[in-house]
N, C-alpha and C. Protein backbone atom coordinates (compact mmCIF):
# COMPACT_ATOMS: atom_id res chain seq x y z
N MET A 1 -71.79 -18.64 -2.08
CA MET A 1 -71.08 -17.52 -2.57
C MET A 1 -72.20 -17.10 -4.25
N LEU A 2 -72.44 -16.08 -4.48
CA LEU A 2 -73.14 -15.86 -5.72
C LEU A 2 -71.74 -15.34 -6.74
N VAL A 3 -72.23 -16.29 -7.95
CA VAL A 3 -71.13 -16.15 -8.91
C VAL A 3 -71.55 -15.56 -10.14
N LEU A 4 -70.95 -14.29 -10.86
CA LEU A 4 -71.87 -13.67 -11.86
C LEU A 4 -70.58 -13.78 -12.93
N THR A 5 -71.07 -13.34 -14.34
CA THR A 5 -70.36 -13.35 -15.30
C THR A 5 -70.30 -11.82 -15.58
N ARG A 6 -69.47 -10.98 -16.19
CA ARG A 6 -69.65 -9.60 -16.31
C ARG A 6 -68.41 -9.14 -17.56
N ARG A 7 -68.94 -8.36 -18.49
CA ARG A 7 -67.93 -7.95 -19.21
C ARG A 7 -67.21 -6.72 -19.15
N ILE A 8 -66.33 -6.21 -19.86
CA ILE A 8 -65.70 -4.84 -19.26
C ILE A 8 -66.73 -4.01 -19.49
N GLU A 9 -66.88 -2.97 -18.79
CA GLU A 9 -67.87 -1.97 -18.34
C GLU A 9 -69.27 -2.32 -17.82
N GLU A 10 -69.37 -3.29 -17.67
CA GLU A 10 -70.73 -4.14 -16.95
C GLU A 10 -70.23 -4.05 -15.49
N SER A 11 -71.49 -3.88 -14.67
CA SER A 11 -71.43 -3.70 -13.19
C SER A 11 -72.36 -4.58 -12.42
N VAL A 12 -72.14 -4.51 -11.49
CA VAL A 12 -73.03 -5.40 -10.29
C VAL A 12 -73.30 -4.11 -9.34
N VAL A 13 -74.40 -4.38 -8.88
CA VAL A 13 -74.96 -3.22 -7.47
C VAL A 13 -75.27 -4.35 -6.29
N VAL A 14 -74.70 -3.85 -5.12
CA VAL A 14 -75.06 -4.51 -4.02
C VAL A 14 -75.78 -3.75 -3.11
N GLY A 15 -76.77 -3.64 -2.65
CA GLY A 15 -77.52 -2.72 -1.34
C GLY A 15 -78.99 -3.12 -1.87
N ASP A 16 -79.90 -1.89 -1.13
CA ASP A 16 -81.36 -2.11 -1.19
C ASP A 16 -81.83 -2.27 -2.17
N ALA A 17 -82.69 -2.91 -2.40
CA ALA A 17 -83.54 -2.89 -3.59
C ALA A 17 -84.61 -1.91 -3.88
N ALA A 18 -84.86 -1.20 -2.72
CA ALA A 18 -85.69 0.03 -3.02
C ALA A 18 -84.80 1.35 -3.67
N GLY A 19 -83.48 1.12 -3.36
CA GLY A 19 -82.56 2.06 -3.73
C GLY A 19 -82.40 3.24 -2.87
N LEU A 20 -83.01 2.91 -1.65
CA LEU A 20 -83.03 4.23 -0.51
C LEU A 20 -81.87 3.97 0.03
N GLU A 21 -80.98 2.86 0.31
CA GLU A 21 -80.16 2.47 1.49
C GLU A 21 -78.87 2.68 0.90
N GLU A 22 -77.62 2.91 1.37
CA GLU A 22 -76.39 2.59 0.65
C GLU A 22 -76.31 1.38 -0.27
N MET A 23 -75.30 1.50 -1.33
CA MET A 23 -75.10 0.76 -2.01
C MET A 23 -73.65 0.73 -2.60
N VAL A 24 -73.13 -0.49 -3.25
CA VAL A 24 -71.81 -0.79 -3.63
C VAL A 24 -71.90 -1.09 -5.08
N LYS A 25 -71.36 -0.16 -5.85
CA LYS A 25 -71.39 -0.73 -7.60
C LYS A 25 -70.23 -0.93 -7.71
N VAL A 26 -69.93 -2.18 -8.66
CA VAL A 26 -68.30 -2.59 -8.56
C VAL A 26 -68.78 -3.00 -10.45
N THR A 27 -67.53 -1.99 -11.16
CA THR A 27 -67.77 -2.07 -12.33
C THR A 27 -66.40 -2.95 -13.10
N VAL A 28 -66.42 -3.81 -14.10
CA VAL A 28 -65.31 -4.17 -14.42
C VAL A 28 -64.74 -3.20 -15.59
N LEU A 29 -63.27 -2.94 -15.29
CA LEU A 29 -62.89 -1.71 -16.31
C LEU A 29 -62.26 -2.20 -17.27
N SER A 30 -61.24 -3.33 -16.72
CA SER A 30 -60.64 -4.09 -17.78
C SER A 30 -60.34 -5.66 -17.42
N ILE A 31 -59.95 -6.40 -18.18
CA ILE A 31 -59.30 -7.75 -18.06
C ILE A 31 -58.23 -7.77 -18.86
N ASP A 32 -57.05 -8.25 -18.28
CA ASP A 32 -55.87 -8.77 -18.80
C ASP A 32 -54.89 -9.69 -18.47
N GLY A 33 -54.74 -10.90 -19.09
CA GLY A 33 -54.04 -11.73 -18.77
C GLY A 33 -54.74 -12.29 -17.40
N GLY A 34 -56.07 -12.82 -17.34
CA GLY A 34 -56.27 -13.23 -16.27
C GLY A 34 -56.43 -12.50 -15.12
N ARG A 35 -56.57 -11.30 -15.31
CA ARG A 35 -56.48 -10.36 -14.24
C ARG A 35 -57.67 -9.42 -14.47
N ALA A 36 -58.68 -9.23 -13.52
CA ALA A 36 -59.60 -8.17 -13.81
C ALA A 36 -59.50 -6.86 -13.03
N ARG A 37 -59.54 -5.62 -14.00
CA ARG A 37 -59.14 -4.32 -13.22
C ARG A 37 -60.67 -3.86 -12.56
N LEU A 38 -60.94 -3.72 -11.37
CA LEU A 38 -62.32 -3.39 -10.94
C LEU A 38 -62.50 -1.83 -10.45
N GLY A 39 -63.56 -1.02 -10.46
CA GLY A 39 -63.78 -0.16 -10.09
C GLY A 39 -64.91 -0.06 -9.05
N PHE A 40 -64.72 0.56 -8.01
CA PHE A 40 -65.84 0.69 -6.90
C PHE A 40 -66.48 2.13 -6.67
N GLU A 41 -67.91 2.32 -6.80
CA GLU A 41 -68.40 3.20 -6.19
C GLU A 41 -69.06 3.26 -5.19
N VAL A 42 -68.90 3.79 -3.89
CA VAL A 42 -69.45 3.73 -2.48
C VAL A 42 -69.65 5.17 -2.24
N ALA A 43 -70.25 5.23 -0.90
CA ALA A 43 -70.18 6.13 -0.12
C ALA A 43 -68.97 6.66 0.52
N ALA A 44 -68.44 7.63 0.53
CA ALA A 44 -67.21 8.19 1.12
C ALA A 44 -66.98 7.59 2.56
N HIS A 45 -67.73 7.25 3.44
CA HIS A 45 -67.69 6.84 4.67
C HIS A 45 -67.58 5.24 4.64
N ILE A 46 -67.71 4.42 3.58
CA ILE A 46 -67.14 3.24 3.72
C ILE A 46 -66.05 2.85 3.26
N PRO A 47 -65.22 2.15 3.94
CA PRO A 47 -64.33 1.75 3.57
C PRO A 47 -63.94 0.78 2.47
N VAL A 48 -63.16 0.64 1.71
CA VAL A 48 -63.02 -0.56 0.71
C VAL A 48 -61.60 -0.71 0.66
N HIS A 49 -61.21 -2.04 0.98
CA HIS A 49 -59.82 -2.86 0.96
C HIS A 49 -59.76 -4.06 0.27
N ARG A 50 -58.66 -4.05 0.03
CA ARG A 50 -58.51 -5.92 -0.61
C ARG A 50 -58.56 -6.69 0.57
N GLN A 51 -59.08 -7.92 0.48
CA GLN A 51 -59.05 -8.87 1.59
C GLN A 51 -57.65 -8.98 2.66
N GLU A 52 -56.59 -9.10 2.05
CA GLU A 52 -55.65 -9.05 2.81
C GLU A 52 -55.20 -7.71 3.43
N VAL A 53 -55.36 -6.73 3.17
CA VAL A 53 -55.36 -5.47 3.86
C VAL A 53 -56.23 -5.48 4.97
N TRP A 54 -57.44 -5.87 4.70
CA TRP A 54 -58.60 -5.92 5.77
C TRP A 54 -58.09 -6.84 6.68
N GLN A 55 -57.59 -8.10 6.72
CA GLN A 55 -57.31 -8.82 7.49
C GLN A 55 -56.08 -8.53 8.40
N ARG A 56 -55.10 -7.54 7.93
CA ARG A 56 -54.02 -6.99 8.37
C ARG A 56 -54.62 -6.03 9.64
N ILE A 57 -55.50 -5.04 9.09
CA ILE A 57 -56.27 -4.17 9.80
C ILE A 57 -57.03 -4.94 11.15
N HIS A 58 -57.38 -5.86 10.71
CA HIS A 58 -58.22 -6.68 11.90
C HIS A 58 -57.71 -7.64 12.52
N GLY A 59 -56.46 -7.87 12.04
CA GLY A 59 -55.45 -8.92 13.03
C GLY A 59 -56.07 -10.19 12.43
N LYS A 60 -56.50 -10.58 11.43
CA LYS A 60 -56.85 -11.61 11.08
C LYS A 60 -55.73 -12.53 10.40
N PRO A 61 -55.59 -13.69 10.84
CA PRO A 61 -54.29 -14.55 10.00
C PRO A 61 -54.63 -14.35 8.51
N GLN A 62 -53.66 -14.27 7.76
CA GLN A 62 -53.61 -14.45 6.51
C GLN A 62 -53.17 -15.81 5.59
N ASN A 63 -54.17 -16.48 5.07
CA ASN A 63 -54.04 -17.70 4.24
C ASN A 63 -53.47 -17.39 2.94
N ARG A 64 -52.90 -18.39 2.59
CA ARG A 64 -51.84 -18.63 1.37
C ARG A 64 -52.84 -18.06 0.07
N ALA A 65 -54.15 -18.44 0.24
CA ALA A 65 -55.25 -18.18 -1.04
C ALA A 65 -55.29 -16.71 -1.32
N THR A 66 -55.37 -16.03 -0.30
CA THR A 66 -55.42 -14.14 -0.47
C THR A 66 -54.03 -13.53 -0.54
N LYS A 67 -52.94 -14.37 -0.30
CA LYS A 67 -51.91 -13.63 -0.09
C LYS A 67 -51.65 -13.03 -1.46
N ASP A 68 -51.13 -11.67 -1.71
CA ASP A 68 -50.66 -11.15 -2.99
C ASP A 68 -49.38 -12.12 -3.34
N THR A 69 -49.24 -12.11 -4.76
CA THR A 69 -48.07 -12.86 -5.45
C THR A 69 -47.42 -12.02 -6.43
């Protein structure tokens, strides 16, 4: 797991280094009381889900660490 520290309005980009392939840009929009609000920029055909939603879609068992509280 890669762990990065970002401040509000700073981003992380995941994708091809040459910039020719699809990419995902994640930006920290706000931080409040231990919760970060993130913005995702991706191509329209790439689905983006919270992990617990993805697990339900794919019929995976949900563990307590990823369950919404």
